[in-house]
Protein backbone atom coordinates (compact mmCIF):
# COMPACT_ATOMS: atom_id res chain seq x y z
CA MET A 1 125.45 50.71 -173.65
CA ASP A 2 122.70 52.69 -175.40
CA ILE A 3 121.18 56.08 -174.60
CA GLY A 4 117.41 56.10 -174.45
CA LEU A 5 114.61 58.31 -173.20
CA LEU A 6 111.41 58.06 -171.20
CA THR A 7 108.58 59.35 -173.40
CA ALA A 8 106.57 60.98 -170.58
CA PRO A 9 107.56 64.64 -171.20
CA PHE A 10 106.06 64.56 -174.70
CA GLY A 11 102.58 64.06 -173.26
CA LYS A 12 99.95 63.43 -175.89
CA GLU A 13 101.07 66.37 -178.00
CA ILE A 14 102.79 64.12 -180.53
CA THR A 15 102.14 60.53 -181.51
CA PHE A 16 104.26 57.50 -180.66
CA LYS A 17 105.35 57.32 -184.29
CA GLU A 18 106.49 60.94 -184.22
CA ILE A 19 108.40 60.37 -180.97
CA ALA A 20 110.15 57.31 -182.43
CA GLN A 21 111.08 59.15 -185.62
CA TRP A 22 112.45 62.18 -183.75
CA ALA A 23 114.38 60.00 -181.29
CA GLY A 24 115.99 57.98 -184.09
CA LYS A 25 117.02 61.09 -186.02
CA THR A 26 118.48 62.63 -182.85
CA GLY A 27 120.65 59.56 -182.22
CA PHE A 28 118.74 57.76 -179.48
CA LYS A 29 118.69 53.98 -179.70
CA ALA A 30 115.98 53.09 -177.19
CA LEU A 31 112.62 54.23 -175.88
CA GLU A 32 111.20 53.70 -172.41
CA VAL A 33 107.59 54.04 -173.48
CA MET A 34 104.79 55.22 -171.21
CA ALA A 35 102.22 52.46 -171.67
CA GLY A 36 98.75 51.58 -170.46
CA PRO A 37 95.38 53.34 -170.64
CA GLY A 38 95.74 56.84 -172.10
CA ALA A 39 99.52 56.54 -172.56
CA HIS A 40 101.76 56.55 -175.64
CA LEU A 41 101.11 52.85 -176.24
CA THR A 42 98.03 50.95 -175.15
CA ALA A 43 97.10 47.27 -175.30
CA GLU A 44 94.80 48.14 -178.21
CA ASP A 45 97.75 49.61 -180.12
CA VAL A 46 99.91 46.53 -179.71
CA LEU A 47 98.17 43.25 -178.92
CA PRO A 48 95.57 42.79 -181.71
CA ASP A 49 98.28 42.31 -184.37
CA ASP A 50 101.00 40.95 -182.03
CA GLY A 51 102.94 44.18 -182.24
CA LYS A 52 103.48 44.16 -186.02
CA LYS A 53 102.45 47.78 -186.62
CA VAL A 54 104.45 49.16 -183.68
CA ASN A 55 107.49 47.02 -184.47
CA LYS A 56 107.50 48.40 -188.02
CA ILE A 57 107.45 51.96 -186.64
CA LEU A 58 110.40 51.09 -184.42
CA LYS A 59 112.36 49.43 -187.23
CA ASP A 60 111.78 52.32 -189.62
CA ALA A 61 112.91 54.81 -186.95
CA GLY A 62 115.98 52.78 -185.96
CA VAL A 63 115.06 52.52 -182.28
CA ARG A 64 113.97 49.75 -179.94
CA VAL A 65 111.80 49.58 -176.83
CA SER A 66 114.04 49.18 -173.79
CA SER A 67 111.04 48.92 -171.48
CA LEU A 68 107.40 49.74 -171.08
CA ALA A 69 106.72 52.15 -168.22
CA PHE A 70 103.69 52.00 -165.92
CA TYR A 71 104.25 54.33 -162.98
CA ASP A 72 100.81 54.36 -161.40
CA CYS A 73 101.12 54.25 -157.61
CA PHE A 74 98.82 52.50 -155.17
CA ASN A 75 98.51 51.19 -151.63
CA VAL A 76 99.87 47.67 -151.87
CA GLY A 77 97.57 46.05 -149.34
CA ASN A 78 94.19 47.12 -150.70
CA GLY A 79 94.03 44.67 -153.60
CA PRO A 80 94.99 46.79 -156.64
CA VAL A 81 92.95 44.77 -159.13
CA GLU A 82 93.07 47.39 -161.89
CA TYR A 83 96.81 47.82 -161.47
CA SER A 84 97.39 44.08 -161.81
CA LYS A 85 95.18 43.89 -164.89
CA ASN A 86 97.08 46.71 -166.58
CA MET A 87 100.42 45.16 -165.64
CA LYS A 88 99.41 41.86 -167.25
CA ASP A 89 98.61 43.75 -170.44
CA LEU A 90 102.01 45.49 -170.35
CA ILE A 91 103.80 42.20 -169.79
CA ALA A 92 102.08 40.78 -172.87
CA MET A 93 102.95 43.94 -174.82
CA ALA A 94 106.59 43.77 -173.73
CA GLN A 95 106.84 40.23 -175.04
CA VAL A 96 105.68 41.06 -178.57
CA LEU A 97 107.76 44.26 -178.68
CA ASN A 98 110.91 42.42 -177.53
CA ALA A 99 111.26 44.72 -174.53
CA ASP A 100 113.32 43.32 -171.68
CA ALA A 101 111.31 44.81 -168.84
CA VAL A 102 108.20 46.51 -167.57
CA CYS A 103 109.21 49.39 -165.30
CA THR A 104 106.82 50.20 -162.48
CA MET A 105 106.54 51.30 -158.84
CA LEU A 106 106.49 49.25 -155.66
CA GLY A 107 103.57 51.20 -154.23
CA PHE A 108 103.12 53.23 -151.06
CA PRO A 109 103.43 51.94 -147.48
CA GLU A 110 100.34 50.63 -145.78
CA PRO A 111 98.84 52.63 -142.89
CA LYS A 112 100.67 51.98 -139.60
CA LYS A 113 103.33 49.93 -141.39
CA SER A 114 106.87 50.81 -142.38
CA LYS A 115 107.99 50.56 -145.96
CA ILE A 116 109.96 47.40 -145.23
CA GLN A 117 107.00 45.83 -143.42
CA THR A 118 104.83 46.57 -146.44
CA ILE A 119 107.37 44.97 -148.76
CA ARG A 120 107.54 41.85 -146.62
CA GLU A 121 103.90 41.46 -145.69
CA ASP A 122 101.84 42.94 -148.54
CA ALA A 123 103.87 43.15 -151.75
CA PRO A 124 104.09 39.38 -152.41
CA ALA A 125 100.34 39.04 -152.94
CA VAL A 126 100.53 41.61 -155.74
CA PHE A 127 103.85 40.83 -157.39
CA ASN A 128 104.30 37.07 -157.08
CA PRO A 129 101.45 36.41 -159.57
CA LEU A 130 102.80 39.12 -161.88
CA SER A 131 106.28 37.61 -161.67
CA LYS A 132 104.90 34.24 -162.77
CA GLU A 133 103.08 35.87 -165.69
CA ALA A 134 106.24 37.74 -166.68
CA GLU A 135 108.37 34.60 -166.42
CA LYS A 136 106.10 32.77 -168.86
CA ARG A 137 106.65 35.57 -171.37
CA GLY A 138 110.37 36.11 -170.81
CA VAL A 139 109.86 39.59 -169.32
CA LYS A 140 111.36 41.23 -166.23
CA ILE A 141 109.68 43.55 -163.72
CA ALA A 142 111.83 46.53 -162.68
CA PHE A 143 110.87 48.75 -159.74
CA GLU A 144 111.99 52.37 -159.88
CA ASN A 145 113.47 53.51 -156.57
CA TRP A 146 111.36 56.66 -156.20
CA TYR A 147 111.93 57.67 -152.60
CA ALA A 148 108.23 58.34 -151.87
CA THR A 149 107.35 54.69 -152.53
CA ASN A 150 108.33 51.60 -150.56
CA LEU A 151 111.70 51.50 -152.37
CA GLN A 152 113.33 54.46 -150.61
CA HIS A 153 116.75 53.29 -149.40
CA LEU A 154 119.10 50.34 -149.58
CA ASP A 155 117.53 48.35 -146.75
CA CYS A 156 114.34 48.52 -148.83
CA PHE A 157 116.31 47.22 -151.84
CA LYS A 158 117.59 44.36 -149.66
CA ALA A 159 114.06 43.55 -148.49
CA VAL A 160 112.90 43.26 -152.12
CA CYS A 161 115.74 40.86 -152.90
CA ASP A 162 114.92 38.78 -149.81
CA VAL A 163 111.17 38.66 -150.43
CA PHE A 164 111.45 38.12 -154.19
CA PRO A 165 114.30 35.67 -154.89
CA GLN A 166 113.01 35.11 -158.42
CA SER A 167 115.44 36.35 -161.05
CA ASN A 168 112.92 38.41 -163.03
CA ILE A 169 112.16 40.93 -160.27
CA GLY A 170 114.64 43.76 -159.85
CA PHE A 171 115.21 47.46 -160.26
CA ASN A 172 114.96 50.37 -162.64
CA PHE A 173 117.86 52.07 -160.90
CA ASP A 174 117.73 55.87 -160.58
CA PRO A 175 120.81 57.38 -158.91
CA SER A 176 119.16 60.79 -158.51
CA HIS A 177 116.72 59.51 -155.88
CA LEU A 178 119.63 58.26 -153.79
CA ALA A 179 122.11 61.11 -154.28
CA TRP A 180 120.13 63.86 -152.56
CA GLN A 181 119.50 61.50 -149.62
CA GLU A 182 123.31 61.15 -149.38
CA ILE A 183 123.08 57.43 -150.11
CA ASP A 184 126.08 56.08 -152.02
CA TYR A 185 124.64 55.21 -155.43
CA LEU A 186 127.91 53.67 -156.63
CA ASP A 187 128.04 51.21 -153.73
CA ALA A 188 124.37 50.49 -154.39
CA VAL A 189 125.13 49.52 -157.99
CA MET A 190 127.81 47.13 -156.80
CA GLU A 191 125.61 45.60 -154.11
CA PHE A 192 122.56 45.07 -156.31
CA LYS A 193 124.22 44.60 -159.68
CA ASP A 194 122.42 41.32 -160.40
CA ARG A 195 119.02 42.99 -160.01
CA ILE A 196 119.57 46.15 -162.08
CA PHE A 197 117.56 45.56 -165.27
CA HIS A 198 117.22 49.17 -166.45
CA THR A 199 118.53 52.55 -165.33
CA HIS A 200 117.28 56.12 -165.43
CA ALA A 201 119.66 58.90 -166.39
CA LYS A 202 118.42 61.76 -164.27
CA ASP A 203 120.55 64.20 -162.30
CA VAL A 204 119.82 66.18 -159.14
CA ALA A 205 120.95 69.67 -158.21
CA VAL A 206 121.56 70.26 -154.50
CA PHE A 207 121.54 73.75 -152.98
CA LYS A 208 123.60 73.51 -149.81
CA THR A 209 122.97 77.08 -148.68
CA LYS A 210 119.23 76.49 -148.79
CA GLN A 211 119.63 73.10 -147.10
CA SER A 212 121.64 74.62 -144.24
CA ARG A 213 118.81 77.08 -143.66
CA VAL A 214 115.73 74.84 -143.87
CA GLY A 215 117.15 71.38 -143.10
CA VAL A 216 116.80 68.09 -144.93
CA LEU A 217 113.13 67.61 -144.01
CA ALA A 218 112.04 70.75 -145.84
CA ASP A 219 111.44 71.20 -149.56
CA GLY A 220 113.21 73.37 -152.11
CA TRP A 221 116.86 72.51 -151.47
CA TRP A 222 117.17 70.01 -154.34
CA LYS A 223 115.60 69.48 -157.74
CA TYR A 224 115.83 66.99 -160.60
CA VAL A 225 117.77 68.14 -163.66
CA ILE A 226 119.13 66.88 -166.98
CA PRO A 227 122.32 64.75 -166.74
CA GLY A 228 125.36 66.99 -166.44
CA TYR A 229 123.56 69.79 -164.59
CA GLY A 230 123.67 68.28 -161.11
CA VAL A 231 125.81 66.36 -158.61
CA ILE A 232 125.83 62.86 -160.14
CA SER A 233 129.30 61.74 -161.24
CA TRP A 234 128.22 60.24 -164.54
CA GLY A 235 131.66 59.00 -165.56
CA GLU A 236 132.00 57.06 -162.31
CA TYR A 237 128.41 55.85 -162.51
CA ILE A 238 128.74 54.54 -166.07
CA ARG A 239 132.10 52.95 -165.29
CA THR A 240 130.63 51.21 -162.23
CA LEU A 241 127.70 49.91 -164.27
CA ARG A 242 130.11 48.51 -166.86
CA VAL A 243 132.37 46.88 -164.25
CA CYS A 244 129.27 45.27 -162.74
CA GLY A 245 128.25 43.83 -166.11
CA TYR A 246 125.45 46.22 -167.04
CA ASN A 247 125.30 46.90 -170.77
CA GLY A 248 121.71 48.05 -171.12
CA VAL A 249 120.13 51.44 -171.62
CA LEU A 250 120.72 54.80 -169.95
CA SER A 251 117.17 56.11 -170.18
CA ILE A 252 116.99 59.89 -169.77
CA GLU A 253 114.11 60.83 -167.48
CA HIS A 254 113.50 64.51 -168.18
CA GLU A 255 112.03 66.45 -165.22
CA ASP A 256 114.06 69.62 -165.69
CA ARG A 257 111.84 72.71 -165.93
CA ALA A 258 114.65 74.73 -167.52
CA PHE A 259 114.25 72.95 -170.86
CA ASP A 260 111.37 71.79 -173.01
CA ALA A 261 111.16 68.12 -173.94
CA LYS A 262 113.26 68.08 -177.09
CA GLU A 263 115.90 70.55 -175.90
CA GLY A 264 116.38 68.73 -172.60
CA PHE A 265 116.69 65.34 -174.27
CA GLU A 266 119.16 66.73 -176.82
CA LYS A 267 121.36 68.22 -174.10
CA GLY A 268 121.28 65.02 -172.07
CA PHE A 269 122.09 62.95 -175.14
CA ARG A 270 125.10 65.09 -176.07
CA PHE A 271 126.46 64.96 -172.54
CA LEU A 272 126.10 61.20 -172.07
CA SER A 273 127.39 60.43 -175.56
CA ASN A 274 130.84 61.60 -174.52
CA LEU A 275 130.93 59.09 -171.66
CA ILE A 276 129.60 55.82 -173.02
């Protein structure tokens, strides 16, 4: 199991090459690269030479691309033509960069529909064609379970598996989105083990005193933090992943305001290194 990072916190302040070099020197083995228009890697960076330039950067830095990340959100039922176009580019990019997956979102619920209704009735028109494109290129599509999207809880996970039986559609599993909802993320790993293609390493701090005052529907009683600074039991989580056959990347998603990009990634790397 490798430790990786999601490049988003670096913004456009440093180049992809600089990120790769720093990550390799720090000890990271994998990059979850923000990709698409205006991101760290674009189709123009990768496709004209079939990834040769970018693959050389990766080789020289001693890192690989675990996935390409495209987290634009949309209403599933309104025909997201631009989203689908960008996803097709990322699937082609993933193929030439030897990345296993493209990580993305499942979109927002349609007006007057539940999240599960939207998954069942609207998502297939968007993702069945993308699944076929990805299958041709040997690439998987992994939905992050961000609670605000259609993939909020485990019945939503089950709906995805029912609607998309194809083996190349699954999850970029993030335990932090489940933990603060008091959903058992360890049971979830065991239930959906065959569909976990990638996983985020992000923790969540929960402030029970604040929660008891404002209730679960209010804001401010939880926040995302670097692994080791919250309530996730990382030893149990990593052990459960291993028992379930997962040997991929733990990709640190850094949304902790207490640390800048490099410091937060370094702290997360040191903590997880003792457990893998």
